[in-house]
Amino acid sequence: MKNRLQDIATLDLYTNKNKIKWLIFICSIIISFGSIYYTNLLVEELKDREKRQIELLARALEYASLNTDNLTFINQEIIQQNTSIPVIVVDSDENVVDYRNIKFKKRSTEEDRQKTLRKEVETMKAEYEPIVTEDALVYYRNSELLTSLKYYPYIQLSVILVFGVLAYAVFNQSKVAEQNRVWAGLTKETAHQLGTPIASLMAWIDYLRNSPVWEENKEVIQEMDKDIVKLRMVTERFSSIGSKPVIQSENVFSVVDEAINYLRPRISSKVEMKVNGYSNEIEAMINKPLFEWVVENICKNAVDAMKGQGVISIDIIKESEKFVFVDITDTGKGMEKSMYKRVFNPGFTTRQRGWGLGLTLAKRIIEGYHRGKIYVKTSEPGIGTTFRIVLHGSKEGVSGFKREDFLIQ
């Protein structure tokens, strides 16, 4: 019971992964804005503090000009203590009288210093109103510490974002690699386990062919033989997925027709299946057992969508010398546009029974092994759906394709 609950929790996490991603994203945004808001509060508090310091400095300068007895104390304890806030004092004619914490270029002349001071005054005017004393104006701007603190949260968030993206990319890549290893190991083991019973069944079929029951049960035994051949093909498919499959030029029409001929007697008689090829000699780079598997999976999904009654049309189109299109159209219930990509997600299914892996497997075979493309070309609720498979027409295309080459409508 405990394990069952754990499985359900894991499944819920997986099926709701998009919602969880959005939740994490929203929480990150809240934390980011919270950090920026709090830092801005600190910046505003420091601004007020620096403004009070400058006001105190201005009053000290004014007091010093009137009370020469305390000039040494005021100069040492108030004026000289400002070591961070840039300040420029000008007279009523805008002539610089004094300044503090202004940076000049190395080896600058007196003329260069005056130009720098005038530029600083203009910058300070734009930033804050000057503090007015009896015979002077005191201009100032934020200290370097305050300026750094103002932009610190944005720099911090940028660094965290870059680190997060890199960490996610590395983690995602390692997760995909691990899934590939598990997938390959599982398929190899499945193929290995199927080998023994299939060999045994083949021996039994040979025994029945040479037994007295052959003539009486000939048709039944022949159908059993076909199913055993199919099991051998399934084993070959699993074996191909567990290793690097051989991709070679094949007659697409013949491969599709063969797959359909096997399906016809094994699905509802109310389903009509048609293969339309503008030419019976269209060839593409495929692995026959795996590509047949893709066609079967899509057709079986189509039969379920039509509830065992309707038409499945397969159109084979040579789009150019580079690409071959295989369009599989059904007259089923169709789907909304928002489901176009979701149908390929592992576990996605509209049936009460089913693992939801058929289209996921088809996508993996076409895009992972054939370096092609599979997607929902069109679909309308109540009318039907068309899946398009894009295959390469030459070996060069399989090894050196570009995603932008695909003509996706």
Protein backbone atom coordinates (compact mmCIF):
# COMPACT_ATOMS: atom_id res chain seq x y z
CA MET A 1 0.00 0.00 0.00
CA LYS A 2 2.84 2.35 0.93
CA ASN A 3 4.64 1.67 -2.36
CA ARG A 4 1.39 2.26 -4.24
CA LEU A 5 0.99 5.67 -2.61
CA GLN A 6 4.60 6.52 -3.47
CA ASP A 7 3.98 5.54 -7.11
CA ILE A 8 0.87 7.73 -7.23
CA ALA A 9 2.79 10.67 -5.73
CA THR A 10 5.60 10.22 -8.26
CA LEU A 11 3.09 10.04 -11.13
CA ASP A 12 1.33 13.19 -9.89
CA LEU A 13 4.65 15.02 -9.77
CA TYR A 14 5.44 13.93 -13.31
CA THR A 15 2.05 14.64 -14.82
CA ASN A 16 1.92 18.05 -13.10
CA LYS A 17 5.52 18.97 -13.86
CA ASN A 18 4.51 22.01 -15.94
CA LYS A 19 2.41 23.36 -13.06
CA ILE A 20 5.27 22.72 -10.64
CA LYS A 21 7.67 24.55 -12.98
CA TRP A 22 5.33 27.55 -13.07
CA LEU A 23 4.99 27.44 -9.27
CA ILE A 24 8.78 27.45 -8.86
CA PHE A 25 9.06 30.26 -11.42
CA ILE A 26 6.44 32.37 -9.61
CA CYS A 27 8.15 31.76 -6.24
CA SER A 28 11.47 32.80 -7.79
CA ILE A 29 9.90 36.02 -9.12
CA ILE A 30 8.43 36.79 -5.68
CA ILE A 31 11.79 36.19 -4.00
CA SER A 32 13.58 38.30 -6.62
CA PHE A 33 11.22 41.25 -6.26
CA GLY A 34 11.33 40.87 -2.48
CA SER A 35 15.12 41.08 -2.58
CA ILE A 36 15.04 44.13 -4.85
CA TYR A 37 12.36 45.82 -2.70
CA TYR A 38 14.30 45.24 0.53
CA THR A 39 17.54 46.48 -1.02
CA ASN A 40 15.77 49.61 -2.29
CA LEU A 41 14.56 50.28 1.26
CA LEU A 42 18.16 50.12 2.46
CA VAL A 43 19.25 52.37 -0.41
CA GLU A 44 16.62 54.98 0.47
CA GLU A 45 17.66 54.87 4.12
CA LEU A 46 21.32 55.36 3.18
CA LYS A 47 20.33 58.21 0.84
CA ASP A 48 18.62 60.00 3.73
CA ARG A 49 21.62 59.37 5.94
CA GLU A 50 24.06 60.76 3.36
CA LYS A 51 21.82 63.77 2.81
CA ARG A 52 21.85 64.49 6.55
CA GLN A 53 25.65 64.16 6.53
CA ILE A 54 25.93 66.68 3.70
CA GLU A 55 23.55 69.04 5.50
CA LEU A 56 25.71 68.72 8.58
CA LEU A 57 28.78 69.38 6.47
CA ALA A 58 27.18 72.47 4.96
CA ARG A 59 26.23 73.82 8.38
CA ALA A 60 29.77 73.10 9.61
CA LEU A 61 31.25 75.03 6.69
CA GLU A 62 28.89 77.92 7.35
CA TYR A 63 29.66 77.84 11.06
CA ALA A 64 33.39 77.63 10.43
CA SER A 65 33.30 80.75 8.28
CA LEU A 66 31.72 82.66 11.17
CA ASN A 67 33.59 81.12 14.11
CA THR A 68 37.29 80.91 13.45
CA ASP A 69 37.99 79.86 17.03
CA ASN A 70 36.48 76.43 16.47
CA LEU A 71 37.75 76.06 12.90
CA THR A 72 40.32 73.35 13.71
CA PHE A 73 37.75 71.20 15.55
CA ILE A 74 35.14 71.60 12.83
CA ASN A 75 37.62 70.85 10.08
CA GLN A 76 38.98 67.68 11.75
CA GLU A 77 35.83 66.25 13.29
CA ILE A 78 33.23 67.07 10.64
CA ILE A 79 34.67 68.17 7.31
CA GLN A 80 37.61 65.77 7.13
CA GLN A 81 35.50 62.82 8.35
CA ASN A 82 33.64 62.69 5.04
CA THR A 83 35.72 60.16 3.11
CA SER A 84 33.07 58.66 0.83
CA ILE A 85 30.45 61.19 -0.34
CA PRO A 86 31.54 63.30 -3.36
CA VAL A 87 30.97 66.99 -2.50
CA ILE A 88 31.63 70.24 -4.36
CA VAL A 89 31.13 73.67 -2.78
CA VAL A 90 30.58 76.64 -5.12
CA ASP A 91 30.05 80.32 -4.49
CA SER A 92 27.21 82.44 -5.77
CA ASP A 93 29.01 82.82 -9.13
CA GLU A 94 29.29 79.02 -9.56
CA ASN A 95 33.04 79.09 -8.93
CA VAL A 96 34.37 76.01 -7.15
CA VAL A 97 35.47 76.90 -3.65
CA ASP A 98 36.14 73.46 -2.23
CA TYR A 99 35.56 69.79 -2.99
CA ARG A 100 35.90 66.37 -1.40
CA ASN A 101 36.14 62.80 -2.75
CA ILE A 102 36.34 63.74 -6.41
CA LYS A 103 38.45 61.43 -8.56
CA PHE A 104 40.76 62.90 -11.19
CA LYS A 105 42.75 61.25 -13.93
CA LYS A 106 46.39 60.57 -13.25
CA ARG A 107 48.77 63.40 -14.22
CA SER A 108 45.84 65.75 -14.88
CA THR A 109 46.57 69.48 -15.10
CA GLU A 110 44.76 72.19 -13.20
CA GLU A 111 42.70 72.91 -16.32
CA ASP A 112 41.71 69.24 -16.55
CA ARG A 113 40.75 69.29 -12.88
CA GLN A 114 38.51 72.31 -13.39
CA LYS A 115 36.77 70.61 -16.35
CA THR A 116 36.21 67.50 -14.26
CA LEU A 117 34.78 69.56 -11.42
CA ARG A 118 32.38 71.42 -13.77
CA LYS A 119 31.16 68.08 -15.20
CA GLU A 120 30.69 66.74 -11.68
CA VAL A 121 28.67 69.82 -10.73
CA GLU A 122 26.33 69.24 -13.70
CA THR A 123 25.95 65.58 -12.75
CA MET A 124 25.22 66.51 -9.13
CA LYS A 125 22.65 69.10 -10.20
CA ALA A 126 20.74 66.42 -12.11
CA GLU A 127 20.86 64.04 -9.13
CA TYR A 128 20.03 66.21 -6.10
CA GLU A 129 19.07 69.77 -5.24
CA PRO A 130 22.04 71.63 -3.69
CA ILE A 131 22.13 72.53 0.00
CA VAL A 132 22.09 76.33 0.31
CA THR A 133 24.20 78.11 2.90
CA GLU A 134 24.60 81.84 3.51
CA ASP A 135 27.29 82.36 0.86
CA ALA A 136 27.67 79.03 -0.94
CA LEU A 137 25.95 76.06 -2.56
CA VAL A 138 26.89 72.51 -1.60
CA TYR A 139 26.45 69.94 -4.37
CA TYR A 140 26.75 66.21 -3.76
CA ARG A 141 25.89 62.79 -5.19
CA ASN A 142 25.64 59.22 -3.94
CA SER A 143 28.76 57.55 -2.60
CA GLU A 144 30.23 54.61 -4.49
CA LEU A 145 29.00 52.27 -1.77
CA LEU A 146 25.43 53.47 -2.16
CA THR A 147 25.62 53.24 -5.97
CA SER A 148 27.01 49.71 -5.74
CA LEU A 149 24.30 48.69 -3.29
CA LYS A 150 21.65 50.11 -5.62
CA TYR A 151 22.65 47.81 -8.48
CA TYR A 152 23.78 44.89 -6.32
CA PRO A 153 20.47 42.92 -6.33
CA TYR A 154 20.26 43.07 -10.14
CA ILE A 155 23.84 41.83 -10.48
CA GLN A 156 23.17 39.17 -7.86
CA LEU A 157 20.00 37.98 -9.60
CA SER A 158 21.77 37.92 -12.96
CA VAL A 159 24.56 35.75 -11.55
CA ILE A 160 22.04 33.44 -9.88
CA LEU A 161 20.04 33.25 -13.13
CA VAL A 162 23.11 32.36 -15.21
CA PHE A 163 24.18 29.79 -12.63
CA GLY A 164 20.64 28.38 -12.48
CA VAL A 165 20.40 28.05 -16.27
CA LEU A 166 23.80 26.32 -16.45
CA ALA A 167 22.92 24.02 -13.53
CA TYR A 168 19.56 23.17 -15.11
CA ALA A 169 21.17 22.45 -18.48
CA VAL A 170 23.79 20.17 -16.91
CA PHE A 171 21.24 18.43 -14.70
CA ASN A 172 18.78 18.01 -17.57
CA GLN A 173 21.49 16.63 -19.84
CA SER A 174 22.64 14.15 -17.19
CA LYS A 175 19.03 13.15 -16.56
CA VAL A 176 18.44 12.56 -20.28
CA ALA A 177 21.66 10.52 -20.49
CA GLU A 178 20.56 8.45 -17.49
CA GLN A 179 17.11 7.89 -19.04
CA ASN A 180 18.77 6.81 -22.27
CA ARG A 181 20.91 4.28 -20.42
CA VAL A 182 17.88 2.92 -18.55
CA TRP A 183 15.88 2.84 -21.79
CA ALA A 184 18.63 1.01 -23.66
CA GLY A 185 19.17 -1.47 -20.81
CA LEU A 186 15.46 -2.19 -20.49
CA THR A 187 14.97 -2.79 -24.20
CA LYS A 188 18.03 -5.06 -24.44
CA GLU A 189 16.85 -7.10 -21.48
CA THR A 190 13.31 -7.33 -22.93
CA ALA A 191 14.68 -8.54 -26.26
CA HIS A 192 16.84 -11.09 -24.46
CA GLN A 193 13.93 -12.39 -22.35
CA LEU A 194 11.65 -12.73 -25.39
CA GLY A 195 14.22 -14.75 -27.29
CA THR A 196 13.75 -18.05 -25.41
CA PRO A 197 9.92 -18.36 -25.55
CA ILE A 198 9.88 -17.29 -29.22
CA ALA A 199 12.40 -19.97 -30.11
CA SER A 200 10.26 -22.49 -28.23
CA LEU A 201 7.08 -21.38 -30.06
CA MET A 202 8.83 -21.69 -33.42
CA ALA A 203 9.76 -25.28 -32.54
CA TRP A 204 6.15 -26.03 -31.59
CA ILE A 205 4.91 -24.60 -34.91
CA ASP A 206 7.33 -26.87 -36.80
CA TYR A 207 6.05 -29.79 -34.72
CA LEU A 208 2.42 -28.96 -35.57
CA ARG A 209 3.23 -28.69 -39.29
CA ASN A 210 4.43 -32.27 -39.22
CA SER A 211 1.62 -33.59 -36.99
CA PRO A 212 -1.76 -35.10 -37.96
CA VAL A 213 -3.59 -31.94 -36.85
CA TRP A 214 -1.96 -29.85 -39.63
CA GLU A 215 -4.62 -30.35 -42.31
CA GLU A 216 -7.49 -29.84 -39.90
CA ASN A 217 -6.04 -26.66 -38.29
CA LYS A 218 -3.96 -25.32 -41.16
CA GLU A 219 -5.36 -21.78 -41.16
CA VAL A 220 -5.09 -21.43 -37.38
CA ILE A 221 -1.49 -22.64 -37.35
CA GLN A 222 -0.57 -20.28 -40.20
CA GLU A 223 -1.99 -17.32 -38.28
CA MET A 224 -0.05 -18.44 -35.20
CA ASP A 225 3.06 -18.55 -37.36
CA LYS A 226 2.41 -14.97 -38.50
CA ASP A 227 2.13 -13.87 -34.86
CA ILE A 228 5.40 -15.59 -34.02
CA VAL A 229 7.05 -13.80 -36.94
CA LYS A 230 5.60 -10.59 -35.51
CA LEU A 231 7.02 -11.42 -32.08
CA ARG A 232 10.42 -11.93 -33.68
CA MET A 233 10.05 -8.52 -35.32
CA VAL A 234 9.10 -6.93 -31.97
CA THR A 235 12.20 -8.50 -30.43
CA GLU A 236 14.27 -7.08 -33.26
CA ARG A 237 12.73 -3.68 -32.63
CA PHE A 238 13.61 -3.74 -28.95
CA SER A 239 17.08 -4.90 -29.83
CA SER A 240 17.41 -2.02 -32.30
CA ILE A 241 16.35 0.53 -29.69
CA GLY A 242 18.85 -0.89 -27.25
CA SER A 243 21.66 -0.32 -29.76
CA LYS A 244 22.39 1.91 -32.72
CA PRO A 245 19.96 0.86 -35.49
CA VAL A 246 20.98 0.61 -39.12
CA ILE A 247 19.38 3.38 -41.19
CA GLN A 248 19.29 2.63 -44.90
CA SER A 249 17.32 3.48 -48.03
CA GLU A 250 13.98 1.63 -48.15
CA ASN A 251 10.86 1.76 -50.30
CA VAL A 252 8.50 3.69 -48.01
CA PHE A 253 5.34 2.56 -49.82
CA SER A 254 6.25 -1.12 -49.43
CA VAL A 255 7.18 -0.78 -45.76
CA VAL A 256 3.97 1.09 -44.90
CA ASP A 257 1.83 -1.30 -46.97
CA GLU A 258 3.37 -4.29 -45.20
CA ALA A 259 2.65 -2.80 -41.79
CA ILE A 260 -0.96 -2.03 -42.76
CA ASN A 261 -1.52 -5.53 -44.16
CA TYR A 262 -0.50 -6.99 -40.84
CA LEU A 263 -2.83 -4.64 -38.92
CA ARG A 264 -5.95 -5.07 -41.09
CA PRO A 265 -7.04 -8.52 -39.80
CA ARG A 266 -6.19 -7.55 -36.21
CA ILE A 267 -8.35 -4.44 -35.84
CA SER A 268 -12.03 -3.73 -36.22
CA SER A 269 -13.48 -4.65 -39.61
CA LYS A 270 -15.30 -1.29 -39.55
CA VAL A 271 -12.03 0.57 -39.95
CA GLU A 272 -10.97 1.21 -43.55
CA MET A 273 -7.23 1.65 -44.12
CA LYS A 274 -5.84 3.21 -47.32
CA VAL A 275 -2.26 3.83 -48.45
CA ASN A 276 -1.89 6.56 -51.07
CA GLY A 277 1.46 7.03 -52.78
CA TYR A 278 2.01 9.43 -55.65
CA SER A 279 4.69 6.94 -56.64
CA ASN A 280 5.31 3.36 -55.54
CA GLU A 281 9.06 3.96 -55.79
CA ILE A 282 9.50 6.64 -53.14
CA GLU A 283 12.52 5.82 -50.97
CA ALA A 284 13.74 7.29 -47.67
CA MET A 285 16.41 6.59 -45.06
CA ILE A 286 14.71 4.42 -42.41
CA ASN A 287 15.14 1.41 -40.18
CA LYS A 288 12.34 -0.87 -41.38
CA PRO A 289 11.40 -2.63 -38.09
CA LEU A 290 11.39 0.62 -36.11
CA PHE A 291 9.54 2.63 -38.74
CA GLU A 292 6.85 -0.08 -38.99
CA TRP A 293 6.50 0.21 -35.23
CA VAL A 294 5.86 3.95 -35.55
CA VAL A 295 3.19 3.41 -38.22
CA GLU A 296 1.49 0.71 -36.12
CA ASN A 297 1.48 2.87 -32.97
CA ILE A 298 -0.06 5.87 -34.75
CA CYS A 299 -2.65 3.67 -36.51
CA LYS A 300 -3.61 1.91 -33.25
CA ASN A 301 -4.07 5.31 -31.59
CA ALA A 302 -6.20 6.36 -34.56
CA VAL A 303 -8.40 3.24 -34.19
CA ASP A 304 -8.91 4.09 -30.50
CA ALA A 305 -9.73 7.72 -31.38
CA MET A 306 -12.34 6.52 -33.91
CA LYS A 307 -13.72 3.97 -31.41
CA GLY A 308 -13.24 1.15 -33.91
CA GLN A 309 -15.08 2.77 -36.81
CA GLY A 310 -13.81 5.15 -39.50
CA VAL A 311 -11.11 5.68 -42.13
CA ILE A 312 -7.33 5.87 -41.82
CA SER A 313 -5.54 7.35 -44.83
CA ILE A 314 -1.75 7.28 -45.23
CA ASP A 315 -0.33 9.64 -47.85
CA ILE A 316 3.31 9.22 -48.90
CA ILE A 317 4.70 12.40 -50.47
CA LYS A 318 8.14 13.07 -51.89
CA GLU A 319 8.42 16.72 -50.92
CA SER A 320 11.86 17.12 -52.49
CA GLU A 321 15.09 15.22 -53.02
CA LYS A 322 15.87 15.92 -49.36
CA PHE A 323 12.61 15.01 -47.61
CA VAL A 324 9.76 12.49 -47.72
CA PHE A 325 6.50 13.17 -45.89
CA VAL A 326 4.23 10.46 -44.48
CA ASP A 327 0.84 11.88 -43.45
CA ILE A 328 -1.42 9.62 -41.37
CA THR A 329 -4.99 10.92 -41.17
CA ASP A 330 -7.91 9.52 -39.17
CA THR A 331 -11.58 10.46 -38.81
CA GLY A 332 -11.52 10.32 -35.02
CA LYS A 333 -12.48 12.78 -32.32
CA GLY A 334 -9.57 15.16 -32.97
CA MET A 335 -7.96 17.43 -30.38
CA GLU A 336 -7.50 21.04 -29.35
CA LYS A 337 -4.37 22.89 -30.48
CA SER A 338 -3.13 23.06 -26.89
CA MET A 339 -2.74 19.27 -26.94
CA TYR A 340 -0.54 19.10 -30.07
CA LYS A 341 2.72 18.82 -28.12
CA ARG A 342 1.32 17.14 -25.02
CA VAL A 343 0.28 14.00 -26.90
CA PHE A 344 3.97 13.08 -27.21
CA ASN A 345 4.62 13.38 -23.45
CA PRO A 346 5.22 10.07 -21.62
CA GLY A 347 2.11 8.99 -19.73
CA PHE A 348 -0.29 11.21 -21.69
CA THR A 349 -3.38 9.23 -22.68
CA THR A 350 -7.12 9.79 -23.03
CA ARG A 351 -7.92 6.12 -22.50
CA GLN A 352 -8.85 4.59 -19.16
CA ARG A 353 -6.37 1.81 -19.86
CA GLY A 354 -3.00 2.42 -21.37
CA TRP A 355 0.48 3.62 -20.50
CA GLY A 356 0.51 6.60 -22.87
CA LEU A 357 3.86 5.59 -24.39
CA GLY A 358 2.93 4.86 -28.02
CA LEU A 359 3.42 8.37 -29.41
CA THR A 360 6.35 8.99 -27.06
CA LEU A 361 8.04 5.95 -28.53
CA ALA A 362 7.17 7.08 -32.06
CA LYS A 363 8.72 10.51 -31.42
CA ARG A 364 11.85 8.94 -29.96
CA ILE A 365 12.27 6.60 -32.95
CA ILE A 366 11.70 9.28 -35.60
CA GLU A 367 13.62 12.15 -34.00
CA GLY A 368 16.21 10.22 -32.03
CA TYR A 369 17.17 7.48 -34.49
CA HIS A 370 15.98 8.72 -37.89
CA ARG A 371 16.90 12.38 -37.17
CA GLY A 372 13.55 13.34 -38.64
CA LYS A 373 10.46 15.04 -37.29
CA ILE A 374 6.99 13.97 -36.18
CA TYR A 375 4.23 16.38 -35.21
CA VAL A 376 0.49 17.01 -35.37
CA LYS A 377 -0.03 18.69 -38.73
CA THR A 378 -3.74 19.42 -38.30
CA SER A 379 -6.54 18.40 -35.96
CA GLU A 380 -10.13 19.50 -35.45
CA PRO A 381 -12.41 18.25 -32.69
CA GLY A 382 -15.04 15.94 -34.13
CA ILE A 383 -13.38 15.77 -37.57
CA GLY A 384 -10.03 14.05 -37.19
CA THR A 385 -6.27 14.35 -36.87
CA THR A 386 -3.28 14.25 -39.24
CA PHE A 387 0.17 13.28 -38.01
CA ARG A 388 3.07 14.16 -40.27
CA ILE A 389 6.36 12.24 -40.30
CA VAL A 390 9.33 13.91 -41.99
CA LEU A 391 12.00 11.50 -43.27
CA HIS A 392 15.30 12.11 -45.00
CA GLY A 393 15.63 11.15 -48.63
CA SER A 394 19.41 10.66 -48.49
CA LYS A 395 22.11 9.51 -46.10
CA GLU A 396 23.68 12.98 -46.05
CA GLY A 397 20.45 14.43 -44.66
CA VAL A 398 20.38 12.01 -41.71
CA SER A 399 23.91 12.89 -40.63
CA GLY A 400 23.87 16.62 -41.29
CA PHE A 401 20.34 17.96 -40.97
CA LYS A 402 19.23 21.34 -39.62
CA ARG A 403 15.98 21.87 -37.79
CA GLU A 404 15.16 24.93 -39.86
CA ASP A 405 15.23 22.75 -42.98
CA PHE A 406 11.93 21.16 -41.98
CA LEU A 407 8.91 22.69 -43.67
CA ILE A 408 6.53 22.55 -40.71
CA GLN A 409 3.13 23.99 -41.39
